């Protein structure tokens, strides 16, 4: 039995299984998902690929657990998550890696990424480049992402003076 199969089997028995599992909700599991994500990042930074294998398994279990809870609510099928995502990262990466976009450098690729993301925000009626930045990000990470987006549209200064005057 693969680790993924074991995770699916454990989640499938959630109703009849561990009392702790039965009590969980999307909100109560969220902090554990964040913790597992940081553990994945830590293993990557340490280049400990044996540890990374286990941490990715833990993170995958979280995804399967969410899918099971959603399926129990009738709001999502487990197969929907494992299908090639219609989600942004997959579709944007596919469009960027197409043959006609393979020329150029990484700066041009990032610029193309931002163009595609901007078009997707427009399709979702998001009027600001900042609309899709998650509020749940840690404060410094959110601030950094906001700064990068602002910089991409010309709000980037080497000192406070010009920025303060332009935004006033």
N, C-alpha and C. Protein backbone atom coordinates (compact mmCIF):
# COMPACT_ATOMS: atom_id res chain seq x y z
N UNK A 1 0.85 -1.18 0.00
CA UNK A 1 0.00 0.00 0.00
C UNK A 1 0.90 1.24 0.00
N UNK A 2 0.64 2.16 -0.92
CA UNK A 2 1.45 3.37 -0.97
C UNK A 2 1.04 4.31 0.15
N UNK A 3 1.90 5.28 0.41
CA UNK A 3 1.59 6.27 1.46
C UNK A 3 0.31 7.01 1.12
N UNK A 4 0.12 7.30 -0.17
CA UNK A 4 -1.10 8.01 -0.57
C UNK A 4 -2.33 7.14 -0.33
N UNK A 5 -2.23 5.85 -0.67
CA UNK A 5 -3.35 4.94 -0.44
C UNK A 5 -3.66 4.83 1.05
N UNK A 6 -2.61 4.77 1.86
CA UNK A 6 -2.80 4.68 3.32
C UNK A 6 -3.48 5.94 3.84
N UNK A 7 -3.08 7.09 3.32
CA UNK A 7 -3.72 8.35 3.74
C UNK A 7 -5.18 8.36 3.36
N UNK A 8 -5.47 7.93 2.13
CA UNK A 8 -6.86 7.90 1.68
C UNK A 8 -7.69 6.93 2.53
N UNK A 9 -7.12 5.77 2.85
CA UNK A 9 -7.82 4.79 3.67
C UNK A 9 -8.09 5.34 5.06
N UNK A 10 -7.10 6.02 5.63
CA UNK A 10 -7.27 6.59 6.97
C UNK A 10 -8.37 7.64 6.96
N UNK A 11 -8.39 8.45 5.93
CA UNK A 11 -9.40 9.50 5.86
C UNK A 11 -10.78 8.93 5.59
N UNK A 12 -10.84 7.86 4.80
CA UNK A 12 -12.13 7.27 4.47
C UNK A 12 -12.81 6.70 5.70
N UNK A 13 -12.03 6.37 6.72
CA UNK A 13 -12.61 5.81 7.95
C UNK A 13 -12.77 6.89 9.02
N UNK A 14 -12.69 8.14 8.64
CA UNK A 14 -12.76 9.24 9.59
C UNK A 14 -14.02 9.17 10.46
N UNK A 15 -15.16 8.86 9.85
CA UNK A 15 -16.42 8.82 10.60
C UNK A 15 -16.40 7.76 11.70
N UNK A 16 -15.76 6.65 11.44
CA UNK A 16 -15.74 5.54 12.40
C UNK A 16 -14.40 5.42 13.10
N UNK A 17 -13.53 6.35 12.88
CA UNK A 17 -12.17 6.22 13.38
C UNK A 17 -11.90 7.02 14.64
N UNK A 18 -10.76 7.60 14.66
CA UNK A 18 -10.23 8.33 15.80
C UNK A 18 -11.16 9.48 16.20
N UNK A 19 -11.46 9.60 17.50
CA UNK A 19 -12.33 10.69 17.96
C UNK A 19 -11.79 12.08 17.59
N UNK A 20 -10.47 12.22 17.64
CA UNK A 20 -9.87 13.51 17.28
C UNK A 20 -10.18 13.84 15.82
N UNK A 21 -10.01 12.85 14.93
CA UNK A 21 -10.30 13.06 13.52
C UNK A 21 -11.74 13.51 13.31
N UNK A 22 -12.66 12.86 14.03
CA UNK A 22 -14.09 13.16 13.87
C UNK A 22 -14.43 14.58 14.29
N UNK A 23 -13.67 15.13 15.22
CA UNK A 23 -13.96 16.48 15.73
C UNK A 23 -13.41 17.59 14.84
N UNK A 24 -12.56 17.24 13.89
CA UNK A 24 -11.87 18.28 13.13
C UNK A 24 -12.77 18.94 12.09
N UNK A 25 -12.45 20.20 11.84
CA UNK A 25 -13.12 21.00 10.81
C UNK A 25 -12.02 21.63 9.95
N UNK A 26 -12.43 22.29 8.89
CA UNK A 26 -11.44 22.98 8.06
C UNK A 26 -10.64 23.98 8.91
N UNK A 27 -11.33 24.69 9.77
CA UNK A 27 -10.68 25.71 10.59
C UNK A 27 -9.72 25.11 11.62
N UNK A 28 -10.09 23.97 12.20
CA UNK A 28 -9.21 23.40 13.22
C UNK A 28 -7.97 22.74 12.62
N UNK A 29 -8.07 22.30 11.38
CA UNK A 29 -6.93 21.66 10.71
C UNK A 29 -5.98 22.70 10.11
N UNK A 30 -6.47 23.88 9.79
CA UNK A 30 -5.66 24.90 9.11
C UNK A 30 -4.32 25.17 9.79
N UNK A 31 -4.26 25.34 11.11
CA UNK A 31 -2.95 25.59 11.73
C UNK A 31 -1.96 24.44 11.53
N UNK A 32 -2.47 23.21 11.49
CA UNK A 32 -1.59 22.06 11.26
C UNK A 32 -1.06 22.07 9.82
N UNK A 33 -1.89 22.49 8.90
CA UNK A 33 -1.46 22.58 7.51
C UNK A 33 -0.34 23.59 7.37
N UNK A 34 -0.50 24.72 8.03
CA UNK A 34 0.54 25.74 7.99
C UNK A 34 1.83 25.21 8.61
N UNK A 35 1.70 24.52 9.73
CA UNK A 35 2.88 23.95 10.39
C UNK A 35 3.58 22.94 9.48
N UNK A 36 2.79 22.08 8.83
CA UNK A 36 3.38 21.08 7.92
C UNK A 36 4.07 21.77 6.75
N UNK A 37 3.49 22.84 6.26
CA UNK A 37 4.09 23.59 5.15
C UNK A 37 5.44 24.15 5.56
N UNK A 38 5.52 24.72 6.74
CA UNK A 38 6.79 25.25 7.23
C UNK A 38 7.81 24.12 7.44
N UNK A 39 7.35 22.96 7.84
CA UNK A 39 8.27 21.83 8.00
C UNK A 39 8.82 21.38 6.64
N UNK A 40 7.98 21.43 5.61
CA UNK A 40 8.46 21.14 4.25
C UNK A 40 9.52 22.15 3.85
N UNK A 41 9.23 23.43 4.07
CA UNK A 41 10.19 24.48 3.72
C UNK A 41 11.50 24.33 4.49
N UNK A 42 11.41 23.96 5.75
CA UNK A 42 12.61 23.77 6.56
C UNK A 42 13.47 22.64 6.00
N UNK A 43 12.84 21.54 5.64
CA UNK A 43 13.59 20.41 5.08
C UNK A 43 14.26 20.81 3.77
N UNK A 44 13.58 21.61 2.97
CA UNK A 44 14.16 22.09 1.71
C UNK A 44 15.36 22.97 2.00
N UNK A 45 15.21 23.91 2.92
CA UNK A 45 16.32 24.81 3.24
C UNK A 45 17.52 24.06 3.79
N UNK A 46 17.27 23.01 4.55
CA UNK A 46 18.36 22.21 5.11
C UNK A 46 18.91 21.20 4.10
N UNK A 47 18.22 21.09 2.96
CA UNK A 47 18.56 20.10 1.93
C UNK A 47 18.58 18.69 2.50
N UNK A 48 17.63 18.42 3.40
CA UNK A 48 17.48 17.10 4.01
C UNK A 48 16.35 16.39 3.26
N UNK A 49 16.71 15.72 2.18
CA UNK A 49 15.70 15.15 1.30
C UNK A 49 15.04 13.91 1.87
N UNK A 50 15.69 13.23 2.81
CA UNK A 50 15.03 12.13 3.51
C UNK A 50 13.90 12.69 4.37
N UNK A 51 14.19 13.76 5.09
CA UNK A 51 13.18 14.42 5.91
C UNK A 51 12.09 15.02 5.03
N UNK A 52 12.49 15.57 3.89
CA UNK A 52 11.52 16.18 2.97
C UNK A 52 10.48 15.16 2.52
N UNK A 53 10.92 13.95 2.24
CA UNK A 53 9.99 12.90 1.81
C UNK A 53 8.89 12.71 2.85
N UNK A 54 9.27 12.64 4.12
CA UNK A 54 8.28 12.47 5.18
C UNK A 54 7.39 13.68 5.35
N UNK A 55 8.00 14.86 5.27
CA UNK A 55 7.21 16.09 5.44
C UNK A 55 6.22 16.27 4.29
N UNK A 56 6.63 15.92 3.07
CA UNK A 56 5.69 16.00 1.95
C UNK A 56 4.54 15.01 2.14
N UNK A 57 4.85 13.85 2.71
CA UNK A 57 3.80 12.88 3.02
C UNK A 57 2.82 13.44 4.04
N UNK A 58 3.35 14.13 5.05
CA UNK A 58 2.48 14.75 6.06
C UNK A 58 1.60 15.83 5.43
N UNK A 59 2.18 16.61 4.53
CA UNK A 59 1.42 17.67 3.87
C UNK A 59 0.36 17.07 2.94
N UNK A 60 0.73 16.00 2.25
CA UNK A 60 -0.23 15.31 1.39
C UNK A 60 -1.39 14.77 2.22
N UNK A 61 -1.09 14.24 3.40
CA UNK A 61 -2.15 13.75 4.27
C UNK A 61 -3.13 14.88 4.59
N UNK A 62 -2.60 16.08 4.83
CA UNK A 62 -3.47 17.23 5.12
C UNK A 62 -4.42 17.48 3.94
N UNK A 63 -3.88 17.45 2.73
CA UNK A 63 -4.69 17.68 1.53
C UNK A 63 -5.78 16.62 1.42
N UNK A 64 -5.41 15.37 1.63
CA UNK A 64 -6.38 14.27 1.57
C UNK A 64 -7.43 14.43 2.66
N UNK A 65 -7.01 14.85 3.84
CA UNK A 65 -7.94 15.05 4.97
C UNK A 65 -8.96 16.13 4.62
N UNK A 66 -8.49 17.25 4.04
CA UNK A 66 -9.42 18.30 3.60
C UNK A 66 -10.39 17.76 2.56
N UNK A 67 -9.87 17.01 1.61
CA UNK A 67 -10.73 16.46 0.56
C UNK A 67 -11.80 15.55 1.15
N UNK A 68 -11.42 14.74 2.13
CA UNK A 68 -12.39 13.85 2.77
C UNK A 68 -13.46 14.65 3.50
N UNK A 69 -13.04 15.68 4.24
CA UNK A 69 -14.03 16.51 4.94
C UNK A 69 -14.97 17.18 3.94
N UNK A 70 -14.42 17.64 2.84
CA UNK A 70 -15.26 18.29 1.83
C UNK A 70 -16.22 17.29 1.20
N UNK A 71 -15.72 16.10 0.94
CA UNK A 71 -16.58 15.07 0.36
C UNK A 71 -17.71 14.72 1.32
N UNK A 72 -17.42 14.65 2.60
CA UNK A 72 -18.46 14.37 3.60
C UNK A 72 -19.52 15.46 3.61
N UNK A 73 -19.12 16.68 3.32
CA UNK A 73 -20.07 17.79 3.26
C UNK A 73 -20.79 17.86 1.92
N UNK A 74 -20.30 17.08 0.95
CA UNK A 74 -20.89 17.10 -0.38
C UNK A 74 -20.47 18.31 -1.21
N UNK A 75 -19.36 18.93 -0.82
CA UNK A 75 -18.95 20.15 -1.53
C UNK A 75 -17.80 19.94 -2.49
N UNK A 76 -17.19 18.76 -2.48
CA UNK A 76 -16.03 18.54 -3.33
C UNK A 76 -15.79 17.05 -3.46
N UNK A 77 -15.47 16.62 -4.64
CA UNK A 77 -15.10 15.22 -4.82
C UNK A 77 -13.60 15.08 -4.68
N UNK A 78 -13.15 14.01 -4.08
CA UNK A 78 -11.72 13.79 -3.89
C UNK A 78 -10.99 13.83 -5.23
N UNK A 79 -11.58 13.29 -6.26
CA UNK A 79 -10.92 13.26 -7.56
C UNK A 79 -10.70 14.66 -8.12
N UNK A 80 -11.52 15.60 -7.73
CA UNK A 80 -11.38 16.96 -8.22
C UNK A 80 -10.02 17.52 -7.84
N UNK A 81 -9.54 17.20 -6.66
CA UNK A 81 -8.26 17.74 -6.21
C UNK A 81 -7.11 17.11 -6.97
N UNK A 82 -7.20 15.82 -7.27
CA UNK A 82 -6.07 15.15 -7.89
C UNK A 82 -6.03 15.32 -9.40
N UNK A 83 -7.11 15.82 -10.00
CA UNK A 83 -7.12 16.06 -11.44
C UNK A 83 -6.21 17.23 -11.76
N UNK A 84 -5.71 17.30 -13.00
CA UNK A 84 -4.89 18.46 -13.34
C UNK A 84 -5.67 19.73 -13.00
N UNK A 85 -5.10 20.57 -12.19
CA UNK A 85 -5.85 21.71 -11.70
C UNK A 85 -6.16 22.73 -12.78
N UNK A 86 -7.32 23.32 -12.66
CA UNK A 86 -7.63 24.46 -13.50
C UNK A 86 -7.09 25.68 -12.79
N UNK A 87 -6.47 25.43 -11.66
CA UNK A 87 -5.96 26.51 -10.82
C UNK A 87 -4.83 27.24 -11.50
N UNK A 88 -4.58 28.40 -10.99
CA UNK A 88 -3.64 29.32 -11.57
C UNK A 88 -2.25 28.78 -11.81
N UNK A 89 -1.62 28.21 -10.83
CA UNK A 89 -0.22 27.81 -11.00
C UNK A 89 -0.05 26.87 -12.19
N UNK A 90 -0.92 25.88 -12.30
CA UNK A 90 -0.81 24.93 -13.40
C UNK A 90 -1.04 25.61 -14.73
N UNK A 91 -2.11 26.38 -14.85
CA UNK A 91 -2.43 26.99 -16.14
C UNK A 91 -1.42 28.05 -16.52
N UNK A 92 -0.96 28.83 -15.56
CA UNK A 92 0.03 29.86 -15.87
C UNK A 92 1.35 29.21 -16.24
N UNK A 93 1.76 28.20 -15.49
CA UNK A 93 3.03 27.52 -15.80
C UNK A 93 2.98 26.89 -17.19
N UNK A 94 1.84 26.33 -17.56
CA UNK A 94 1.69 25.73 -18.88
C UNK A 94 1.82 26.80 -19.96
N UNK A 95 1.17 27.93 -19.77
CA UNK A 95 1.23 28.99 -20.77
C UNK A 95 2.62 29.59 -20.87
N UNK A 96 3.30 29.70 -19.75
CA UNK A 96 4.65 30.28 -19.77
C UNK A 96 5.64 29.33 -20.41
N UNK A 97 5.47 28.03 -20.22
CA UNK A 97 6.44 27.08 -20.73
C UNK A 97 6.16 26.67 -22.17
N UNK A 98 5.12 27.22 -22.78
CA UNK A 98 4.84 26.89 -24.17
C UNK A 98 6.03 27.30 -25.04
N UNK A 99 6.16 26.67 -26.18
CA UNK A 99 7.34 26.86 -27.04
C UNK A 99 7.61 28.32 -27.35
N UNK A 100 6.58 29.09 -27.62
CA UNK A 100 6.83 30.48 -28.02
C UNK A 100 7.33 31.35 -26.87
N UNK A 101 7.21 30.88 -25.64
CA UNK A 101 7.67 31.67 -24.49
C UNK A 101 8.98 31.14 -23.90
N UNK A 102 9.58 30.15 -24.53
CA UNK A 102 10.81 29.59 -23.99
C UNK A 102 12.02 30.48 -24.26
N UNK A 103 11.88 31.39 -25.20
CA UNK A 103 12.99 32.30 -25.47
C UNK A 103 12.99 33.40 -24.42
N UNK A 104 14.11 34.04 -24.25
CA UNK A 104 14.19 35.14 -23.29
C UNK A 104 14.84 34.70 -22.00
N UNK A 105 14.75 35.58 -21.02
CA UNK A 105 15.39 35.31 -19.73
C UNK A 105 14.34 35.23 -18.63
N UNK A 106 14.80 34.97 -17.42
CA UNK A 106 13.86 34.77 -16.31
C UNK A 106 13.07 36.04 -16.00
N UNK A 107 13.66 37.21 -16.22
CA UNK A 107 12.94 38.46 -15.98
C UNK A 107 11.75 38.57 -16.93
N UNK A 108 11.97 38.17 -18.19
CA UNK A 108 10.87 38.20 -19.17
C UNK A 108 9.80 37.18 -18.82
N UNK A 109 10.21 36.02 -18.32
CA UNK A 109 9.24 35.00 -17.91
C UNK A 109 8.40 35.52 -16.75
N UNK A 110 9.04 36.15 -15.77
CA UNK A 110 8.29 36.71 -14.64
C UNK A 110 7.34 37.81 -15.10
N UNK A 111 7.76 38.62 -16.06
CA UNK A 111 6.88 39.66 -16.59
C UNK A 111 5.68 39.03 -17.27
N UNK A 112 5.90 37.95 -18.03
CA UNK A 112 4.80 37.24 -18.69
C UNK A 112 3.87 36.64 -17.63
N UNK A 113 4.44 36.07 -16.57
CA UNK A 113 3.65 35.51 -15.47
C UNK A 113 2.72 36.59 -14.91
N UNK A 114 3.26 37.77 -14.66
CA UNK A 114 2.46 38.86 -14.10
C UNK A 114 1.36 39.29 -15.07
N UNK A 115 1.65 39.29 -16.38
CA UNK A 115 0.62 39.64 -17.37
C UNK A 115 -0.53 38.64 -17.32
N UNK A 116 -0.19 37.37 -17.27
CA UNK A 116 -1.21 36.32 -17.23
C UNK A 116 -2.02 36.43 -15.94
N UNK A 117 -1.33 36.60 -14.81
CA UNK A 117 -2.03 36.73 -13.53
C UNK A 117 -2.94 37.96 -13.53
N UNK A 118 -2.48 39.05 -14.13
CA UNK A 118 -3.28 40.27 -14.21
C UNK A 118 -4.55 40.02 -15.02
N UNK A 119 -4.42 39.30 -16.13
CA UNK A 119 -5.59 38.96 -16.95
C UNK A 119 -6.55 38.07 -16.17
N UNK A 120 -6.02 37.13 -15.39
CA UNK A 120 -6.88 36.27 -14.57
C UNK A 120 -7.60 37.07 -13.50
N UNK A 121 -6.91 38.05 -12.90
CA UNK A 121 -7.57 38.90 -11.90
C UNK A 121 -8.71 39.68 -12.54
N UNK A 122 -8.49 40.15 -13.77
CA UNK A 122 -9.53 40.90 -14.48
C UNK A 122 -10.74 40.01 -14.75
N UNK A 123 -10.49 38.74 -15.12
CA UNK A 123 -11.58 37.80 -15.35
C UNK A 123 -12.40 37.55 -14.09
N UNK A 124 -11.75 37.62 -12.94
CA UNK A 124 -12.42 37.39 -11.66
C UNK A 124 -12.99 38.69 -11.09
N UNK A 125 -12.96 39.74 -11.88
CA UNK A 125 -13.44 41.06 -11.45
C UNK A 125 -12.66 41.59 -10.25
N UNK A 126 -11.39 41.25 -10.20
CA UNK A 126 -10.52 41.81 -9.17
C UNK A 126 -9.88 43.05 -9.79
N UNK A 127 -10.15 44.18 -9.20
CA UNK A 127 -9.75 45.43 -9.82
C UNK A 127 -8.35 45.87 -9.42
N UNK A 128 -7.82 45.31 -8.39
CA UNK A 128 -6.51 45.71 -7.89
C UNK A 128 -5.52 44.55 -8.01
N UNK A 129 -4.28 44.88 -8.26
CA UNK A 129 -3.23 43.86 -8.29
C UNK A 129 -3.04 43.23 -6.91
N UNK A 130 -3.64 43.83 -5.90
CA UNK A 130 -3.48 43.34 -4.53
C UNK A 130 -4.66 42.49 -4.06
N UNK A 131 -5.72 42.42 -4.87
CA UNK A 131 -6.95 41.74 -4.44
C UNK A 131 -6.76 40.27 -4.08
N UNK A 132 -5.86 39.58 -4.77
CA UNK A 132 -5.74 38.14 -4.53
C UNK A 132 -4.60 37.76 -3.58
N UNK A 133 -4.04 38.74 -2.89
CA UNK A 133 -3.00 38.43 -1.91
C UNK A 133 -3.70 37.96 -0.63
N UNK A 134 -3.44 36.72 -0.23
CA UNK A 134 -4.15 36.18 0.93
C UNK A 134 -3.90 36.97 2.21
N UNK A 135 -4.96 37.24 2.92
CA UNK A 135 -4.85 37.92 4.22
C UNK A 135 -4.26 37.00 5.27
N UNK A 136 -4.25 35.71 5.00
CA UNK A 136 -3.75 34.75 5.98
C UNK A 136 -2.23 34.59 5.95
N UNK A 137 -1.55 35.22 4.99
CA UNK A 137 -0.09 35.15 4.97
C UNK A 137 0.49 35.79 6.21
N UNK A 138 1.64 35.30 6.67
CA UNK A 138 2.32 36.00 7.76
C UNK A 138 2.59 37.45 7.33
N UNK A 139 2.57 38.36 8.29
CA UNK A 139 2.63 39.79 7.99
C UNK A 139 3.81 40.18 7.09
N UNK A 140 4.99 39.70 7.39
CA UNK A 140 6.15 40.08 6.58
C UNK A 140 6.06 39.51 5.17
N UNK A 141 5.55 38.31 5.04
CA UNK A 141 5.39 37.70 3.73
C UNK A 141 4.35 38.47 2.92
N UNK A 142 3.26 38.85 3.57
CA UNK A 142 2.22 39.63 2.90
C UNK A 142 2.77 41.00 2.49
N UNK A 143 3.51 41.65 3.36
CA UNK A 143 4.09 42.95 3.04
C UNK A 143 5.04 42.84 1.86
N UNK A 144 5.84 41.78 1.84
CA UNK A 144 6.78 41.59 0.74
C UNK A 144 6.04 41.39 -0.58
N UNK A 145 4.98 40.60 -0.55
CA UNK A 145 4.21 40.35 -1.77
C UNK A 145 3.52 41.63 -2.24
N UNK A 146 3.00 42.40 -1.32
CA UNK A 146 2.38 43.69 -1.67
C UNK A 146 3.42 44.60 -2.30
N UNK A 147 4.62 44.65 -1.70
CA UNK A 147 5.68 45.51 -2.23
C UNK A 147 6.07 45.09 -3.65
N UNK A 148 6.19 43.78 -3.89
CA UNK A 148 6.54 43.30 -5.24
C UNK A 148 5.48 43.69 -6.25
N UNK A 149 4.21 43.55 -5.87
CA UNK A 149 3.13 43.91 -6.79
C UNK A 149 3.14 45.41 -7.07
N UNK A 150 3.34 46.20 -6.03
CA UNK A 150 3.38 47.65 -6.20
C UNK A 150 4.57 48.05 -7.07
N UNK A 151 5.68 47.41 -6.87
CA UNK A 151 6.88 47.69 -7.66
C UNK A 151 6.63 47.39 -9.14
N UNK A 152 5.89 46.33 -9.41
CA UNK A 152 5.62 45.93 -10.79
C UNK A 152 4.80 46.96 -11.56
N UNK A 153 4.06 47.80 -10.84
CA UNK A 153 3.26 48.83 -11.51
C UNK A 153 3.82 50.23 -11.29
N UNK A 154 5.09 50.31 -10.89
CA UNK A 154 5.76 51.60 -10.81
C UNK A 154 5.81 52.26 -9.45
N UNK A 155 5.28 51.63 -8.43
CA UNK A 155 5.36 52.19 -7.07
C UNK A 155 6.57 51.59 -6.38
N UNK A 156 7.75 52.06 -6.77
CA UNK A 156 8.99 51.53 -6.22
C UNK A 156 9.99 52.66 -6.11
N UNK A 157 10.46 52.92 -4.91
CA UNK A 157 11.37 54.05 -4.70
C UNK A 157 12.53 53.62 -3.83
N UNK A 158 13.63 54.35 -3.97
CA UNK A 158 14.81 54.05 -3.16
C UNK A 158 14.77 54.77 -1.82
N UNK A 159 13.88 55.76 -1.69
CA UNK A 159 13.72 56.46 -0.41
C UNK A 159 12.25 56.73 -0.18
N UNK A 160 11.90 57.09 1.03
CA UNK A 160 10.50 57.30 1.39
C UNK A 160 9.90 58.53 0.73
N UNK A 161 10.67 59.57 0.50
CA UNK A 161 10.17 60.84 -0.02
C UNK A 161 9.28 60.73 -1.25
N UNK A 162 9.79 60.21 -2.39
CA UNK A 162 8.96 60.16 -3.60
C UNK A 162 7.70 59.33 -3.42
N UNK A 163 7.81 58.22 -2.72
CA UNK A 163 6.64 57.36 -2.51
C UNK A 163 5.58 58.06 -1.69
N UNK A 164 6.01 58.75 -0.66
CA UNK A 164 5.06 59.46 0.20
C UNK A 164 4.36 60.56 -0.59
N UNK A 165 5.11 61.28 -1.44
CA UNK A 165 4.50 62.34 -2.25
C UNK A 165 3.54 61.77 -3.29
N UNK A 166 3.92 60.66 -3.95
CA UNK A 166 3.10 60.09 -5.00
C UNK A 166 1.82 59.48 -4.45
N UNK A 167 1.88 58.89 -3.28
CA UNK A 167 0.70 58.23 -2.73
C UNK A 167 -0.18 59.18 -1.93
N UNK A 168 0.27 60.39 -1.69
CA UNK A 168 -0.51 61.35 -0.90
C UNK A 168 -1.62 61.98 -1.71
